[in-house]
Amino acid sequence: MKGILWCNGVLPSDSVIDRALRDGVPIFGVDGGADKANSMGFEVSEALGDMDSIDESSCCLLYTSDA
């Protein structure tokens, strides 16, 4: 199974994003990366991380761990 971890950093070029997403693989937003992907119109399957830099109202599923 393939998936994309969308982080909250500098974005790669549009061609890199298009190539990674053309196969319909799920996007997992890592903290603020979930907001970044959502704001660009991409559907985030799940948000991962400690949620210290994410707008919780914009995500579909949040999972946190005390570990």
C-alpha atoms as a PDB file:
ATOM      1  CA  MET A   1       0.000   0.000   0.000  1.00  0.00           C
ATOM      2  CA  LYS A   2       1.206   3.469  -0.827  1.00  0.00           C
ATOM      3  CA  GLY A   3       0.443   6.652   1.040  1.00  0.00           C
ATOM      4  CA  ILE A   4       1.641  10.229   1.218  1.00  0.00           C
ATOM      5  CA  LEU A   5       2.818  11.920   4.394  1.00  0.00           C
ATOM      6  CA  TRP A   6       2.044  15.600   3.862  1.00  0.00           C
ATOM      7  CA  CYS A   7       4.214  17.622   6.225  1.00  0.00           C
ATOM      8  CA  ASN A   8       4.080  21.288   7.156  1.00  0.00           C
ATOM      9  CA  GLY A   9       7.174  22.406   5.286  1.00  0.00           C
ATOM     10  CA  VAL A  10       8.166  23.844   1.946  1.00  0.00           C
ATOM     11  CA  LEU A  11       6.144  22.299  -0.869  1.00  0.00           C
ATOM     12  CA  PRO A  12       7.768  20.515  -3.795  1.00  0.00           C
ATOM     13  CA  SER A  13       6.935  21.606  -7.331  1.00  0.00           C
ATOM     14  CA  ASP A  14       3.433  21.058  -8.737  1.00  0.00           C
ATOM     15  CA  SER A  15       4.738  18.314 -11.027  1.00  0.00           C
ATOM     16  CA  VAL A  16       6.089  16.352  -8.063  1.00  0.00           C
ATOM     17  CA  ILE A  17       2.768  16.708  -6.205  1.00  0.00           C
ATOM     18  CA  ASP A  18       0.762  15.697  -9.289  1.00  0.00           C
ATOM     19  CA  ARG A  19       2.941  12.637  -9.897  1.00  0.00           C
ATOM     20  CA  ALA A  20       2.622  11.529  -6.270  1.00  0.00           C
ATOM     21  CA  LEU A  21      -1.160  11.986  -6.173  1.00  0.00           C
ATOM     22  CA  ARG A  22      -2.213  10.703  -9.594  1.00  0.00           C
ATOM     23  CA  ASP A  23      -2.601   7.135  -8.365  1.00  0.00           C
ATOM     24  CA  GLY A  24      -5.221   8.113  -5.780  1.00  0.00           C
ATOM     25  CA  VAL A  25      -3.120   7.130  -2.784  1.00  0.00           C
ATOM     26  CA  PRO A  26      -4.334   8.282   0.642  1.00  0.00           C
ATOM     27  CA  ILE A  27      -2.890  11.452   2.138  1.00  0.00           C
ATOM     28  CA  PHE A  28      -1.895  11.456   5.786  1.00  0.00           C
ATOM     29  CA  GLY A  29      -1.409  14.965   7.125  1.00  0.00           C
ATOM     30  CA  VAL A  30       1.365  15.330   9.667  1.00  0.00           C
ATOM     31  CA  ASP A  31       0.289  18.040  12.130  1.00  0.00           C
ATOM     32  CA  GLY A  32       0.060  21.347  10.231  1.00  0.00           C
ATOM     33  CA  GLY A  33       0.594  19.472   6.972  1.00  0.00           C
ATOM     34  CA  ALA A  34      -3.035  18.342   7.213  1.00  0.00           C
ATOM     35  CA  ASP A  35      -4.141  21.988   7.144  1.00  0.00           C
ATOM     36  CA  LYS A  36      -1.771  22.751   4.271  1.00  0.00           C
ATOM     37  CA  ALA A  37      -3.104  19.864   2.153  1.00  0.00           C
ATOM     38  CA  ASN A  38      -6.732  20.776   2.947  1.00  0.00           C
ATOM     39  CA  SER A  39      -6.140  24.419   2.043  1.00  0.00           C
ATOM     40  CA  MET A  40      -4.824  23.301  -1.346  1.00  0.00           C
ATOM     41  CA  GLY A  41      -7.971  21.252  -1.984  1.00  0.00           C
ATOM     42  CA  PHE A  42      -6.621  17.784  -1.226  1.00  0.00           C
ATOM     43  CA  GLU A  43      -8.608  15.324   0.874  1.00  0.00           C
ATOM     44  CA  VAL A  44      -6.728  14.194   3.965  1.00  0.00           C
ATOM     45  CA  SER A  45      -7.507  10.633   5.056  1.00  0.00           C
ATOM     46  CA  GLU A  46      -6.095  11.034   8.559  1.00  0.00           C
ATOM     47  CA  ALA A  47      -4.061  13.479  10.589  1.00  0.00           C
ATOM     48  CA  LEU A  48      -1.056  12.178  12.494  1.00  0.00           C
ATOM     49  CA  GLY A  49       1.115  13.701  15.189  1.00  0.00           C
ATOM     50  CA  ASP A  50       0.852  15.488  18.503  1.00  0.00           C
ATOM     51  CA  MET A  51      -1.509  18.106  16.974  1.00  0.00           C
ATOM     52  CA  ASP A  52       0.482  21.070  18.234  1.00  0.00           C
ATOM     53  CA  SER A  53       0.223  22.933  14.919  1.00  0.00           C
ATOM     54  CA  ILE A  54      -3.102  21.872  13.425  1.00  0.00           C
ATOM     55  CA  ASP A  55      -6.562  23.380  13.219  1.00  0.00           C
ATOM     56  CA  GLU A  56      -8.579  20.460  14.610  1.00  0.00           C
ATOM     57  CA  SER A  57     -11.801  21.716  13.011  1.00  0.00           C
ATOM     58  CA  SER A  58     -10.392  21.154   9.515  1.00  0.00           C
ATOM     59  CA  CYS A  59      -9.596  17.453   9.860  1.00  0.00           C
ATOM     60  CA  CYS A  60     -11.722  14.417   9.450  1.00  0.00           C
ATOM     61  CA  LEU A  61     -10.026  12.136  12.005  1.00  0.00           C
ATOM     62  CA  LEU A  62      -7.558  12.887  14.741  1.00  0.00           C
ATOM     63  CA  TYR A  63      -5.497  10.388  16.660  1.00  0.00           C
ATOM     64  CA  THR A  64      -3.075  11.317  19.365  1.00  0.00           C
ATOM     65  CA  SER A  65      -0.944   9.284  21.676  1.00  0.00           C
ATOM     66  CA  ASP A  66       0.697  10.136  24.964  1.00  0.00           C
ATOM     67  CA  ALA A  67       3.692   8.044  23.896  1.00  0.00           C
END
